[in-house]
C-alpha atoms as a PDB file:
ATOM      1  CA  LEU A   1      48.153  30.203   2.086  1.00  0.00           C
ATOM      2  CA  GLN A   2      44.473  29.814   1.650  1.00  0.00           C
ATOM      3  CA  SER A   3      42.953  29.049  -1.688  1.00  0.00           C
ATOM      4  CA  PRO A   4      40.463  31.601  -2.967  1.00  0.00           C
ATOM      5  CA  GLN A   5      36.929  30.507  -2.427  1.00  0.00           C
ATOM      6  CA  ALA A   6      34.315  30.597  -5.131  1.00  0.00           C
ATOM      7  CA  PRO A   7      31.603  33.145  -4.568  1.00  0.00           C
ATOM      8  CA  HIS A   8      28.791  31.786  -2.461  1.00  0.00           C
ATOM      9  CA  ARG A   9      25.902  30.633  -4.589  1.00  0.00           C
ATOM     10  CA  ASN A  10      22.447  30.305  -3.232  1.00  0.00           C
ATOM     11  CA  ARG A  11      21.420  26.831  -4.264  1.00  0.00           C
ATOM     12  CA  SER A  12      17.970  26.902  -2.750  1.00  0.00           C
ATOM     13  CA  PRO A  13      15.175  26.076  -5.193  1.00  0.00           C
ATOM     14  CA  THR A  14      13.337  28.934  -6.821  1.00  0.00           C
ATOM     15  CA  ASN A  15       9.612  29.470  -6.441  1.00  0.00           C
ATOM     16  CA  GLU A  16       9.096  28.136  -9.938  1.00  0.00           C
ATOM     17  CA  GLN A  17      10.907  24.900  -9.084  1.00  0.00           C
ATOM     18  CA  THR A  18       8.939  24.339  -5.897  1.00  0.00           C
ATOM     19  CA  GLN A  19       5.558  25.226  -7.407  1.00  0.00           C
ATOM     20  CA  GLN A  20       5.915  22.948 -10.457  1.00  0.00           C
ATOM     21  CA  PRO A  21       5.078  19.666  -8.630  1.00  0.00           C
ATOM     22  CA  ALA A  22       2.196  21.323  -6.789  1.00  0.00           C
ATOM     23  CA  TRP A  23       0.587  22.613  -9.985  1.00  0.00           C
ATOM     24  CA  THR A  24       1.109  19.286 -11.760  1.00  0.00           C
ATOM     25  CA  SER A  25      -0.572  17.441  -8.884  1.00  0.00           C
ATOM     26  CA  HIS A  26      -3.389  19.991  -8.773  1.00  0.00           C
ATOM     27  CA  LEU A  27      -4.089  19.629 -12.513  1.00  0.00           C
ATOM     28  CA  GLY A  28      -3.910  15.850 -12.312  1.00  0.00           C
ATOM     29  CA  ALA A  29      -6.380  15.767  -9.435  1.00  0.00           C
ATOM     30  CA  SER A  30      -8.775  18.067 -11.290  1.00  0.00           C
ATOM     31  CA  ARG A  31      -8.943  15.534 -14.117  1.00  0.00           C
ATOM     32  CA  LEU A  32      -9.353  12.478 -11.883  1.00  0.00           C
ATOM     33  CA  LEU A  33     -11.884  13.760  -9.339  1.00  0.00           C
ATOM     34  CA  SER A  34     -15.467  14.802  -9.844  1.00  0.00           C
ATOM     35  CA  LEU A  35     -16.023  18.548  -9.874  1.00  0.00           C
ATOM     36  CA  PRO A  36     -18.025  18.678  -6.576  1.00  0.00           C
ATOM     37  CA  LEU A  37     -15.388  16.614  -4.744  1.00  0.00           C
ATOM     38  CA  PHE A  38     -12.530  18.665  -6.204  1.00  0.00           C
ATOM     39  CA  GLY A  39     -14.295  21.890  -5.158  1.00  0.00           C
ATOM     40  CA  LEU A  40     -14.895  20.578  -1.649  1.00  0.00           C
ATOM     41  CA  LEU A  41     -11.253  19.562  -1.281  1.00  0.00           C
ATOM     42  CA  SER A  42     -10.199  23.025  -2.425  1.00  0.00           C
ATOM     43  CA  TYR A  43     -11.952  24.396   0.665  1.00  0.00           C
ATOM     44  CA  VAL A  44     -10.828  21.636   3.027  1.00  0.00           C
ATOM     45  CA  GLU A  45      -7.094  21.858   2.213  1.00  0.00           C
ATOM     46  CA  PRO A  46      -6.494  25.345   3.697  1.00  0.00           C
ATOM     47  CA  VAL A  47      -8.456  24.422   6.815  1.00  0.00           C
ATOM     48  CA  LEU A  48      -6.354  21.282   7.309  1.00  0.00           C
ATOM     49  CA  LEU A  49      -3.154  23.278   6.774  1.00  0.00           C
ATOM     50  CA  PHE A  50      -4.374  25.760   9.369  1.00  0.00           C
ATOM     51  CA  VAL A  51      -5.035  22.998  11.911  1.00  0.00           C
ATOM     52  CA  ALA A  52      -1.626  21.429  11.208  1.00  0.00           C
ATOM     53  CA  SER A  53       0.106  24.784  11.704  1.00  0.00           C
ATOM     54  CA  LEU A  54      -1.608  25.262  15.075  1.00  0.00           C
ATOM     55  CA  VAL A  55      -0.579  21.750  16.138  1.00  0.00           C
ATOM     56  CA  LEU A  56       3.015  22.583  15.182  1.00  0.00           C
ATOM     57  CA  GLY A  57       2.962  25.734  17.350  1.00  0.00           C
ATOM     58  CA  GLU A  58       2.240  28.542  14.892  1.00  0.00           C
ATOM     59  CA  THR A  59       0.674  31.682  16.350  1.00  0.00           C
ATOM     60  CA  LEU A  60      -2.657  33.019  15.125  1.00  0.00           C
ATOM     61  CA  THR A  61      -3.073  36.683  14.219  1.00  0.00           C
ATOM     62  CA  ALA A  62      -6.399  38.498  14.015  1.00  0.00           C
ATOM     63  CA  ILE A  63      -6.365  38.599  10.208  1.00  0.00           C
ATOM     64  CA  ASP A  64      -5.601  34.870  10.122  1.00  0.00           C
ATOM     65  CA  ALA A  65      -8.533  34.186  12.418  1.00  0.00           C
ATOM     66  CA  ILE A  66     -10.875  36.209  10.191  1.00  0.00           C
ATOM     67  CA  SER A  67      -9.617  34.520   7.011  1.00  0.00           C
ATOM     68  CA  TYR A  68      -9.939  30.998   8.337  1.00  0.00           C
ATOM     69  CA  SER A  69     -13.308  31.738   9.916  1.00  0.00           C
ATOM     70  CA  LEU A  70     -14.614  32.814   6.513  1.00  0.00           C
ATOM     71  CA  LEU A  71     -13.227  29.635   4.955  1.00  0.00           C
ATOM     72  CA  ALA A  72     -14.851  27.505   7.645  1.00  0.00           C
ATOM     73  CA  ILE A  73     -18.197  29.276   7.106  1.00  0.00           C
ATOM     74  CA  ALA A  74     -17.945  28.750   3.330  1.00  0.00           C
ATOM     75  CA  LEU A  75     -17.184  25.074   3.883  1.00  0.00           C
ATOM     76  CA  ALA A  76     -20.169  24.716   6.217  1.00  0.00           C
ATOM     77  CA  VAL A  77     -22.496  26.453   3.720  1.00  0.00           C
ATOM     78  CA  LEU A  78     -21.210  24.211   0.921  1.00  0.00           C
ATOM     79  CA  ALA A  79     -21.716  21.079   3.027  1.00  0.00           C
ATOM     80  CA  LEU A  80     -25.207  22.132   4.113  1.00  0.00           C
ATOM     81  CA  GLY A  81     -26.163  22.972   0.532  1.00  0.00           C
ATOM     82  CA  GLY A  82     -24.972  19.579  -0.650  1.00  0.00           C
ATOM     83  CA  PHE A  83     -26.775  17.853   2.190  1.00  0.00           C
ATOM     84  CA  ASN A  84     -30.035  19.688   1.454  1.00  0.00           C
ATOM     85  CA  THR A  85     -29.785  18.872  -2.256  1.00  0.00           C
ATOM     86  CA  GLY A  86     -29.159  15.217  -1.428  1.00  0.00           C
ATOM     87  CA  VAL A  87     -32.177  15.083   0.876  1.00  0.00           C
ATOM     88  CA  ARG A  88     -34.477  16.658  -1.784  1.00  0.00           C
ATOM     89  CA  VAL A  89     -33.353  14.193  -4.452  1.00  0.00           C
ATOM     90  CA  ARG A  90     -34.251  11.186  -2.318  1.00  0.00           C
END
């Protein structure tokens, strides 16, 4: 005789449980970092995640290429704007 098994429960964490530490870290960083640095890192993070995914073997779709190209352009414009402002101040 086999004992009846309890219904299978999905014990994987919910989105709310996995997003909590990310939001807490994000809010903490926003208080500790200067606004320009925090803004720059907000652009850099998705680009670094993109590079890491390619290194790990992820495939790139056309819409992904367009999205990350726009992010890279925005990052370049932000960097050039900051560089030009820094040069004018000196």
